[in-house]
Amino acid sequence: IDEKFNFFTQEKIHPVLIHFVSSPKPWSVAASHSAKYLEYYYQSPWKDQPLDAPKNSKEAKKYAKILWRQSKYLDSIKWYLIYLNKKMKK
């Protein structure tokens, strides 16, 4: 980054910026959420926003597996069928 953009005008106390490049994003239900992530999520300004639903076949399949491990079998089957439908449309 050019030096003219890479500076601070004043010191900030504990600033943090995290850029997530992987998929699924942490704010997706298809992500494997750690207890620490959820702890901060529920303290954030977005705590009342539901986590995003899966957007593609890969995320739908992952979410189906997560639901299955949580013994939510009907929801898991629903999302697996959504996965198959999305996969067939490719």
PDB file of N, CA and C in Angstrom:
ATOM      1  N   ILE A   1       0.859  -1.176   0.000  1.00  0.00           N
ATOM      2  CA  ILE A   1       0.000   0.000   0.000  1.00  0.00           C
ATOM      3  C   ILE A   1       0.904   1.238   0.000  1.00  0.00           C
ATOM      4  N   ASP A   2       0.533   2.188  -0.786  1.00  0.00           N
ATOM      5  CA  ASP A   2       1.273   3.439  -0.858  1.00  0.00           C
ATOM      6  C   ASP A   2       1.307   4.098   0.518  1.00  0.00           C
ATOM      7  N   GLU A   3       2.443   4.674   0.865  1.00  0.00           N
ATOM      8  CA  GLU A   3       2.626   5.311   2.176  1.00  0.00           C
ATOM      9  C   GLU A   3       1.565   6.370   2.490  1.00  0.00           C
ATOM     10  N   LYS A   4       1.072   7.081   1.468  1.00  0.00           N
ATOM     11  CA  LYS A   4       0.094   8.138   1.740  1.00  0.00           C
ATOM     12  C   LYS A   4      -1.248   7.578   2.243  1.00  0.00           C
ATOM     13  N   PHE A   5      -1.489   6.285   1.984  1.00  0.00           N
ATOM     14  CA  PHE A   5      -2.716   5.661   2.480  1.00  0.00           C
ATOM     15  C   PHE A   5      -2.476   4.798   3.716  1.00  0.00           C
ATOM     16  N   ASN A   6      -1.238   4.504   4.000  1.00  0.00           N
ATOM     17  CA  ASN A   6      -0.895   3.560   5.051  1.00  0.00           C
ATOM     18  C   ASN A   6      -0.407   4.292   6.306  1.00  0.00           C
ATOM     19  N   PHE A   7      -1.321   5.033   6.964  1.00  0.00           N
ATOM     20  CA  PHE A   7      -0.955   5.757   8.178  1.00  0.00           C
ATOM     21  C   PHE A   7      -2.194   5.971   9.032  1.00  0.00           C
ATOM     22  N   PHE A   8      -1.979   6.354  10.272  1.00  0.00           N
ATOM     23  CA  PHE A   8      -3.063   6.671  11.199  1.00  0.00           C
ATOM     24  C   PHE A   8      -3.013   8.163  11.512  1.00  0.00           C
ATOM     25  N   THR A   9      -4.191   8.805  11.496  1.00  0.00           N
ATOM     26  CA  THR A   9      -4.229  10.222  11.841  1.00  0.00           C
ATOM     27  C   THR A   9      -4.240  10.416  13.351  1.00  0.00           C
ATOM     28  N   GLN A  10      -4.781   9.427  14.060  1.00  0.00           N
ATOM     29  CA  GLN A  10      -4.737   9.471  15.515  1.00  0.00           C
ATOM     30  C   GLN A  10      -4.810   8.043  16.030  1.00  0.00           C
ATOM     31  N   GLU A  11      -4.297   7.849  17.215  1.00  0.00           N
ATOM     32  CA  GLU A  11      -4.257   6.504  17.765  1.00  0.00           C
ATOM     33  C   GLU A  11      -5.659   6.053  18.182  1.00  0.00           C
ATOM     34  N   LYS A  12      -6.004   4.844  17.811  1.00  0.00           N
ATOM     35  CA  LYS A  12      -7.277   4.243  18.213  1.00  0.00           C
ATOM     36  C   LYS A  12      -6.997   3.194  19.288  1.00  0.00           C
ATOM     37  N   ILE A  13      -7.930   3.018  20.182  1.00  0.00           N
ATOM     38  CA  ILE A  13      -7.764   2.020  21.236  1.00  0.00           C
ATOM     39  C   ILE A  13      -8.323   0.693  20.737  1.00  0.00           C
ATOM     40  N   HIS A  14      -7.476  -0.280  20.583  1.00  0.00           N
ATOM     41  CA  HIS A  14      -7.814  -1.651  20.190  1.00  0.00           C
ATOM     42  C   HIS A  14      -8.604  -1.751  18.874  1.00  0.00           C
ATOM     43  N   PRO A  15      -8.194  -1.089  17.818  1.00  0.00           N
ATOM     44  CA  PRO A  15      -8.925  -1.245  16.557  1.00  0.00           C
ATOM     45  C   PRO A  15      -8.666  -2.629  15.962  1.00  0.00           C
ATOM     46  N   VAL A  16      -9.679  -3.199  15.345  1.00  0.00           N
ATOM     47  CA  VAL A  16      -9.542  -4.509  14.723  1.00  0.00           C
ATOM     48  C   VAL A  16     -10.324  -4.509  13.421  1.00  0.00           C
ATOM     49  N   LEU A  17      -9.699  -5.009  12.391  1.00  0.00           N
ATOM     50  CA  LEU A  17     -10.356  -5.193  11.100  1.00  0.00           C
ATOM     51  C   LEU A  17      -9.980  -6.581  10.611  1.00  0.00           C
ATOM     52  N   ILE A  18     -10.973  -7.404  10.386  1.00  0.00           N
ATOM     53  CA  ILE A  18     -10.730  -8.758   9.903  1.00  0.00           C
ATOM     54  C   ILE A  18     -11.441  -8.905   8.567  1.00  0.00           C
ATOM     55  N   HIS A  19     -10.706  -9.326   7.558  1.00  0.00           N
ATOM     56  CA  HIS A  19     -11.284  -9.543   6.236  1.00  0.00           C
ATOM     57  C   HIS A  19     -11.352 -11.042   5.990  1.00  0.00           C
ATOM     58  N   PHE A  20     -12.556 -11.578   5.860  1.00  0.00           N
ATOM     59  CA  PHE A  20     -12.743 -13.007   5.645  1.00  0.00           C
ATOM     60  C   PHE A  20     -12.792 -13.284   4.147  1.00  0.00           C
ATOM     61  N   VAL A  21     -11.877 -14.106   3.668  1.00  0.00           N
ATOM     62  CA  VAL A  21     -11.820 -14.423   2.248  1.00  0.00           C
ATOM     63  C   VAL A  21     -12.309 -15.837   1.950  1.00  0.00           C
ATOM     64  N   SER A  22     -12.535 -16.620   2.963  1.00  0.00           N
ATOM     65  CA  SER A  22     -12.956 -18.003   2.750  1.00  0.00           C
ATOM     66  C   SER A  22     -14.473 -18.093   2.586  1.00  0.00           C
ATOM     67  N   SER A  23     -14.909 -19.281   2.258  1.00  0.00           N
ATOM     68  CA  SER A  23     -16.342 -19.537   2.138  1.00  0.00           C
ATOM     69  C   SER A  23     -16.617 -20.821   2.904  1.00  0.00           C
ATOM     70  N   PRO A  24     -17.689 -20.912   3.648  1.00  0.00           N
ATOM     71  CA  PRO A  24     -18.673 -19.866   3.898  1.00  0.00           C
ATOM     72  C   PRO A  24     -18.155 -18.827   4.886  1.00  0.00           C
ATOM     73  N   LYS A  25     -18.706 -17.657   4.793  1.00  0.00           N
ATOM     74  CA  LYS A  25     -18.338 -16.563   5.698  1.00  0.00           C
ATOM     75  C   LYS A  25     -18.852 -16.887   7.103  1.00  0.00           C
ATOM     76  N   PRO A  26     -18.227 -16.341   8.135  1.00  0.00           N
ATOM     77  CA  PRO A  26     -18.650 -16.641   9.512  1.00  0.00           C
ATOM     78  C   PRO A  26     -20.095 -16.259   9.809  1.00  0.00           C
ATOM     79  N   TRP A  27     -20.643 -15.314   9.071  1.00  0.00           N
ATOM     80  CA  TRP A  27     -22.019 -14.888   9.324  1.00  0.00           C
ATOM     81  C   TRP A  27     -23.031 -15.731   8.555  1.00  0.00           C
ATOM     82  N   SER A  28     -22.583 -16.865   8.042  1.00  0.00           N
ATOM     83  CA  SER A  28     -23.467 -17.817   7.371  1.00  0.00           C
ATOM     84  C   SER A  28     -23.793 -18.965   8.326  1.00  0.00           C
ATOM     85  N   VAL A  29     -25.000 -19.505   8.220  1.00  0.00           N
ATOM     86  CA  VAL A  29     -25.351 -20.656   9.062  1.00  0.00           C
ATOM     87  C   VAL A  29     -24.530 -21.875   8.671  1.00  0.00           C
ATOM     88  N   ALA A  30     -23.948 -21.873   7.472  1.00  0.00           N
ATOM     89  CA  ALA A  30     -23.158 -23.011   7.000  1.00  0.00           C
ATOM     90  C   ALA A  30     -21.741 -23.019   7.562  1.00  0.00           C
ATOM     91  N   ALA A  31     -21.357 -21.981   8.267  1.00  0.00           N
ATOM     92  CA  ALA A  31     -20.015 -21.925   8.860  1.00  0.00           C
ATOM     93  C   ALA A  31     -19.987 -22.716  10.164  1.00  0.00           C
ATOM     94  N   SER A  32     -18.839 -23.262  10.457  1.00  0.00           N
ATOM     95  CA  SER A  32     -18.652 -23.935  11.748  1.00  0.00           C
ATOM     96  C   SER A  32     -18.324 -22.852  12.774  1.00  0.00           C
ATOM     97  N   HIS A  33     -19.280 -22.545  13.615  1.00  0.00           N
ATOM     98  CA  HIS A  33     -19.112 -21.433  14.554  1.00  0.00           C
ATOM     99  C   HIS A  33     -18.467 -21.884  15.850  1.00  0.00           C
ATOM    100  N   SER A  34     -17.429 -21.181  16.216  1.00  0.00           N
ATOM    101  CA  SER A  34     -16.816 -21.445  17.507  1.00  0.00           C
ATOM    102  C   SER A  34     -17.629 -20.714  18.577  1.00  0.00           C
ATOM    103  N   ALA A  35     -17.493 -21.167  19.784  1.00  0.00           N
ATOM    104  CA  ALA A  35     -18.196 -20.509  20.894  1.00  0.00           C
ATOM    105  C   ALA A  35     -17.744 -19.054  21.015  1.00  0.00           C
ATOM    106  N   LYS A  36     -16.459 -18.797  20.764  1.00  0.00           N
ATOM    107  CA  LYS A  36     -15.924 -17.436  20.867  1.00  0.00           C
ATOM    108  C   LYS A  36     -16.543 -16.534  19.805  1.00  0.00           C
ATOM    109  N   TYR A  37     -16.694 -17.028  18.568  1.00  0.00           N
ATOM    110  CA  TYR A  37     -17.309 -16.215  17.510  1.00  0.00           C
ATOM    111  C   TYR A  37     -18.747 -15.856  17.902  1.00  0.00           C
ATOM    112  N   LEU A  38     -19.503 -16.845  18.346  1.00  0.00           N
ATOM    113  CA  LEU A  38     -20.899 -16.602  18.712  1.00  0.00           C
ATOM    114  C   LEU A  38     -21.015 -15.664  19.911  1.00  0.00           C
ATOM    115  N   GLU A  39     -20.072 -15.775  20.834  1.00  0.00           N
ATOM    116  CA  GLU A  39     -20.065 -14.875  21.997  1.00  0.00           C
ATOM    117  C   GLU A  39     -19.993 -13.420  21.527  1.00  0.00           C
ATOM    118  N   TYR A  40     -19.094 -13.128  20.615  1.00  0.00           N
ATOM    119  CA  TYR A  40     -18.947 -11.757  20.116  1.00  0.00           C
ATOM    120  C   TYR A  40     -20.062 -11.368  19.154  1.00  0.00           C
ATOM    121  N   TYR A  41     -20.563 -12.330  18.400  1.00  0.00           N
ATOM    122  CA  TYR A  41     -21.684 -12.064  17.493  1.00  0.00           C
ATOM    123  C   TYR A  41     -22.891 -11.554  18.282  1.00  0.00           C
ATOM    124  N   TYR A  42     -23.185 -12.212  19.402  1.00  0.00           N
ATOM    125  CA  TYR A  42     -24.342 -11.813  20.202  1.00  0.00           C
ATOM    126  C   TYR A  42     -24.123 -10.511  20.985  1.00  0.00           C
ATOM    127  N   GLN A  43     -22.902 -10.013  21.013  1.00  0.00           N
ATOM    128  CA  GLN A  43     -22.610  -8.713  21.625  1.00  0.00           C
ATOM    129  C   GLN A  43     -22.514  -7.608  20.571  1.00  0.00           C
ATOM    130  N   SER A  44     -22.564  -7.978  19.315  1.00  0.00           N
ATOM    131  CA  SER A  44     -22.337  -7.014  18.234  1.00  0.00           C
ATOM    132  C   SER A  44     -23.625  -6.259  17.885  1.00  0.00           C
ATOM    133  N   PRO A  45     -23.499  -5.202  17.107  1.00  0.00           N
ATOM    134  CA  PRO A  45     -24.686  -4.472  16.648  1.00  0.00           C
ATOM    135  C   PRO A  45     -25.577  -5.321  15.725  1.00  0.00           C
ATOM    136  N   TRP A  46     -25.055  -6.438  15.221  1.00  0.00           N
ATOM    137  CA  TRP A  46     -25.805  -7.295  14.300  1.00  0.00           C
ATOM    138  C   TRP A  46     -26.448  -8.481  14.988  1.00  0.00           C
ATOM    139  N   LYS A  47     -26.476  -8.479  16.316  1.00  0.00           N
ATOM    140  CA  LYS A  47     -26.996  -9.638  17.062  1.00  0.00           C
ATOM    141  C   LYS A  47     -28.446  -9.976  16.716  1.00  0.00           C
ATOM    142  N   ASP A  48     -29.229  -8.994  16.284  1.00  0.00           N
ATOM    143  CA  ASP A  48     -30.627  -9.252  15.930  1.00  0.00           C
ATOM    144  C   ASP A  48     -30.803  -9.670  14.476  1.00  0.00           C
ATOM    145  N   GLN A  49     -29.714  -9.639  13.711  1.00  0.00           N
ATOM    146  CA  GLN A  49     -29.759 -10.079  12.323  1.00  0.00           C
ATOM    147  C   GLN A  49     -29.547 -11.584  12.288  1.00  0.00           C
ATOM    148  N   PRO A  50     -30.408 -12.323  11.601  1.00  0.00           N
ATOM    149  CA  PRO A  50     -30.171 -13.769  11.515  1.00  0.00           C
ATOM    150  C   PRO A  50     -28.938 -14.047  10.650  1.00  0.00           C
ATOM    151  N   LEU A  51     -28.284 -15.146  10.928  1.00  0.00           N
ATOM    152  CA  LEU A  51     -27.149 -15.552  10.098  1.00  0.00           C
ATOM    153  C   LEU A  51     -27.662 -15.858   8.692  1.00  0.00           C
ATOM    154  N   ASP A  52     -26.822 -15.628   7.689  1.00  0.00           N
ATOM    155  CA  ASP A  52     -27.220 -15.820   6.292  1.00  0.00           C
ATOM    156  C   ASP A  52     -27.456 -17.286   5.968  1.00  0.00           C
ATOM    157  N   ALA A  53     -28.468 -17.544   5.157  1.00  0.00           N
ATOM    158  CA  ALA A  53     -28.742 -18.892   4.667  1.00  0.00           C
ATOM    159  C   ALA A  53     -27.694 -19.257   3.612  1.00  0.00           C
ATOM    160  N   PRO A  54     -27.472 -20.552   3.388  1.00  0.00           N
ATOM    161  CA  PRO A  54     -26.520 -20.967   2.354  1.00  0.00           C
ATOM    162  C   PRO A  54     -26.885 -20.386   0.989  1.00  0.00           C
ATOM    163  N   LYS A  55     -25.869 -19.951   0.240  1.00  0.00           N
ATOM    164  CA  LYS A  55     -26.095 -19.288  -1.041  1.00  0.00           C
ATOM    165  C   LYS A  55     -25.813 -20.172  -2.248  1.00  0.00           C
ATOM    166  N   ASN A  56     -25.122 -21.287  -2.054  1.00  0.00           N
ATOM    167  CA  ASN A  56     -24.788 -22.149  -3.187  1.00  0.00           C
ATOM    168  C   ASN A  56     -24.851 -23.612  -2.751  1.00  0.00           C
ATOM    169  N   SER A  57     -24.626 -24.511  -3.686  1.00  0.00           N
ATOM    170  CA  SER A  57     -24.755 -25.937  -3.385  1.00  0.00           C
ATOM    171  C   SER A  57     -23.746 -26.399  -2.335  1.00  0.00           C
ATOM    172  N   LYS A  58     -22.531 -25.894  -2.405  1.00  0.00           N
ATOM    173  CA  LYS A  58     -21.495 -26.303  -1.444  1.00  0.00           C
ATOM    174  C   LYS A  58     -21.890 -25.919  -0.014  1.00  0.00           C
ATOM    175  N   GLU A  59     -22.380 -24.700   0.158  1.00  0.00           N
ATOM    176  CA  GLU A  59     -22.806 -24.254   1.490  1.00  0.00           C
ATOM    177  C   GLU A  59     -24.042 -25.018   1.956  1.00  0.00           C
ATOM    178  N   ALA A  60     -24.971 -25.318   1.030  1.00  0.00           N
ATOM    179  CA  ALA A  60     -26.182 -26.070   1.391  1.00  0.00           C
ATOM    180  C   ALA A  60     -25.817 -27.466   1.892  1.00  0.00           C
ATOM    181  N   LYS A  61     -24.855 -28.104   1.223  1.00  0.00           N
ATOM    182  CA  LYS A  61     -24.420 -29.442   1.645  1.00  0.00           C
ATOM    183  C   LYS A  61     -23.757 -29.384   3.027  1.00  0.00           C
ATOM    184  N   LYS A  62     -22.907 -28.392   3.214  1.00  0.00           N
ATOM    185  CA  LYS A  62     -22.226 -28.245   4.512  1.00  0.00           C
ATOM    186  C   LYS A  62     -23.248 -28.001   5.624  1.00  0.00           C
ATOM    187  N   TYR A  63     -24.244 -27.159   5.356  1.00  0.00           N
ATOM    188  CA  TYR A  63     -25.271 -26.864   6.361  1.00  0.00           C
ATOM    189  C   TYR A  63     -26.089 -28.120   6.675  1.00  0.00           C
ATOM    190  N   ALA A  64     -26.385 -28.930   5.656  1.00  0.00           N
ATOM    191  CA  ALA A  64     -27.110 -30.179   5.880  1.00  0.00           C
ATOM    192  C   ALA A  64     -26.324 -31.086   6.833  1.00  0.00           C
ATOM    193  N   LYS A  65     -25.001 -31.139   6.661  1.00  0.00           N
ATOM    194  CA  LYS A  65     -24.155 -31.956   7.548  1.00  0.00           C
ATOM    195  C   LYS A  65     -24.154 -31.417   8.972  1.00  0.00           C
ATOM    196  N   ILE A  66     -24.096 -30.091   9.097  1.00  0.00           N
ATOM    197  CA  ILE A  66     -24.126 -29.470  10.434  1.00  0.00           C
ATOM    198  C   ILE A  66     -25.434 -29.815  11.144  1.00  0.00           C
ATOM    199  N   LEU A  67     -26.550 -29.682  10.423  1.00  0.00           N
ATOM    200  CA  LEU A  67     -27.858 -29.991  11.011  1.00  0.00           C
ATOM    201  C   LEU A  67     -27.955 -31.465  11.396  1.00  0.00           C
ATOM    202  N   TRP A  68     -27.405 -32.350  10.571  1.00  0.00           N
ATOM    203  CA  TRP A  68     -27.445 -33.788  10.866  1.00  0.00           C
ATOM    204  C   TRP A  68     -26.699 -34.079  12.171  1.00  0.00           C
ATOM    205  N   ARG A  69     -25.524 -33.453  12.333  1.00  0.00           N
ATOM    206  CA  ARG A  69     -24.741 -33.649  13.562  1.00  0.00           C
ATOM    207  C   ARG A  69     -25.459 -33.107  14.794  1.00  0.00           C
ATOM    208  N   GLN A  70     -26.367 -32.137  14.579  1.00  0.00           N
ATOM    209  CA  GLN A  70     -27.144 -31.571  15.682  1.00  0.00           C
ATOM    210  C   GLN A  70     -28.450 -32.339  15.895  1.00  0.00           C
ATOM    211  N   SER A  71     -28.599 -33.483  15.234  1.00  0.00           N
ATOM    212  CA  SER A  71     -29.803 -34.340  15.303  1.00  0.00           C
ATOM    213  C   SER A  71     -31.063 -33.635  14.801  1.00  0.00           C
ATOM    214  N   LYS A  72     -30.898 -32.683  13.908  1.00  0.00           N
ATOM    215  CA  LYS A  72     -32.028 -31.994  13.278  1.00  0.00           C
ATOM    216  C   LYS A  72     -32.231 -32.632  11.910  1.00  0.00           C
ATOM    217  N   TYR A  73     -32.729 -33.879  11.928  1.00  0.00           N
ATOM    218  CA  TYR A  73     -32.743 -34.715  10.736  1.00  0.00           C
ATOM    219  C   TYR A  73     -33.651 -34.193   9.625  1.00  0.00           C
ATOM    220  N   LEU A  74     -34.836 -33.732   9.965  1.00  0.00           N
ATOM    221  CA  LEU A  74     -35.741 -33.234   8.917  1.00  0.00           C
ATOM    222  C   LEU A  74     -35.179 -31.986   8.238  1.00  0.00           C
ATOM    223  N   ASP A  75     -34.662 -31.077   9.032  1.00  0.00           N
ATOM    224  CA  ASP A  75     -34.040 -29.884   8.453  1.00  0.00           C
ATOM    225  C   ASP A  75     -32.821 -30.267   7.620  1.00  0.00           C
ATOM    226  N   SER A  76     -32.069 -31.241   8.092  1.00  0.00           N
ATOM    227  CA  SER A  76     -30.895 -31.704   7.363  1.00  0.00           C
ATOM    228  C   SER A  76     -31.291 -32.279   6.003  1.00  0.00           C
ATOM    229  N   ILE A  77     -32.321 -33.097   5.983  1.00  0.00           N
ATOM    230  CA  ILE A  77     -32.791 -33.681   4.725  1.00  0.00           C
ATOM    231  C   ILE A  77     -33.288 -32.582   3.788  1.00  0.00           C
ATOM    232  N   LYS A  78     -34.001 -31.604   4.337  1.00  0.00           N
ATOM    233  CA  LYS A  78     -34.480 -30.474   3.531  1.00  0.00           C
ATOM    234  C   LYS A  78     -33.307 -29.768   2.844  1.00  0.00           C
ATOM    235  N   TRP A  79     -32.259 -29.466   3.615  1.00  0.00           N
ATOM    236  CA  TRP A  79     -31.115 -28.757   3.057  1.00  0.00           C
ATOM    237  C   TRP A  79     -30.295 -29.635   2.125  1.00  0.00           C
ATOM    238  N   TYR A  80     -30.306 -30.952   2.341  1.00  0.00           N
ATOM    239  CA  TYR A  80     -29.620 -31.842   1.413  1.00  0.00           C
ATOM    240  C   TYR A  80     -30.358 -31.874   0.077  1.00  0.00           C
ATOM    241  N   LEU A  81     -31.694 -31.842   0.126  1.00  0.00           N
ATOM    242  CA  LEU A  81     -32.472 -31.782  -1.115  1.00  0.00           C
ATOM    243  C   LEU A  81     -32.253 -30.454  -1.837  1.00  0.00           C
ATOM    244  N   ILE A  82     -32.134 -29.381  -1.072  1.00  0.00           N
ATOM    245  CA  ILE A  82     -31.815 -28.074  -1.679  1.00  0.00           C
ATOM    246  C   ILE A  82     -30.440 -28.139  -2.337  1.00  0.00           C
ATOM    247  N   TYR A  83     -29.492 -28.782  -1.650  1.00  0.00           N
ATOM    248  CA  TYR A  83     -28.149 -28.968  -2.215  1.00  0.00           C
ATOM    249  C   TYR A  83     -28.231 -29.714  -3.551  1.00  0.00           C
ATOM    250  N   LEU A  84     -28.959 -30.842  -3.573  1.00  0.00           N
ATOM    251  CA  LEU A  84     -29.074 -31.619  -4.804  1.00  0.00           C
ATOM    252  C   LEU A  84     -29.708 -30.801  -5.925  1.00  0.00           C
ATOM    253  N   ASN A  85     -30.741 -30.043  -5.579  1.00  0.00           N
ATOM    254  CA  ASN A  85     -31.419 -29.205  -6.573  1.00  0.00           C
ATOM    255  C   ASN A  85     -30.449 -28.164  -7.152  1.00  0.00           C
ATOM    256  N   LYS A  86     -29.708 -27.492  -6.281  1.00  0.00           N
ATOM    257  CA  LYS A  86     -28.733 -26.486  -6.739  1.00  0.00           C
ATOM    258  C   LYS A  86     -27.625 -27.141  -7.570  1.00  0.00           C
ATOM    259  N   LYS A  87     -27.196 -28.322  -7.166  1.00  0.00           N
ATOM    260  CA  LYS A  87     -26.129 -29.037  -7.860  1.00  0.00           C
ATOM    261  C   LYS A  87     -26.577 -29.434  -9.267  1.00  0.00           C
ATOM    262  N   MET A  88     -27.827 -29.853  -9.408  1.00  0.00           N
ATOM    263  CA  MET A  88     -28.346 -30.275 -10.719  1.00  0.00           C
ATOM    264  C   MET A  88     -28.513 -29.093 -11.672  1.00  0.00           C
ATOM    265  N   LYS A  89     -28.737 -27.909 -11.120  1.00  0.00           N
ATOM    266  CA  LYS A  89     -28.939 -26.723 -11.954  1.00  0.00           C
ATOM    267  C   LYS A  89     -27.645 -26.168 -12.526  1.00  0.00           C
ATOM    268  N   LYS A  90     -26.492 -26.633 -12.009  1.00  0.00           N
ATOM    269  CA  LYS A  90     -25.193 -26.130 -12.485  1.00  0.00           C
ATOM    270  C   LYS A  90     -24.939 -26.539 -13.912  1.00  0.00           C
TER     271      LYS A  90
END
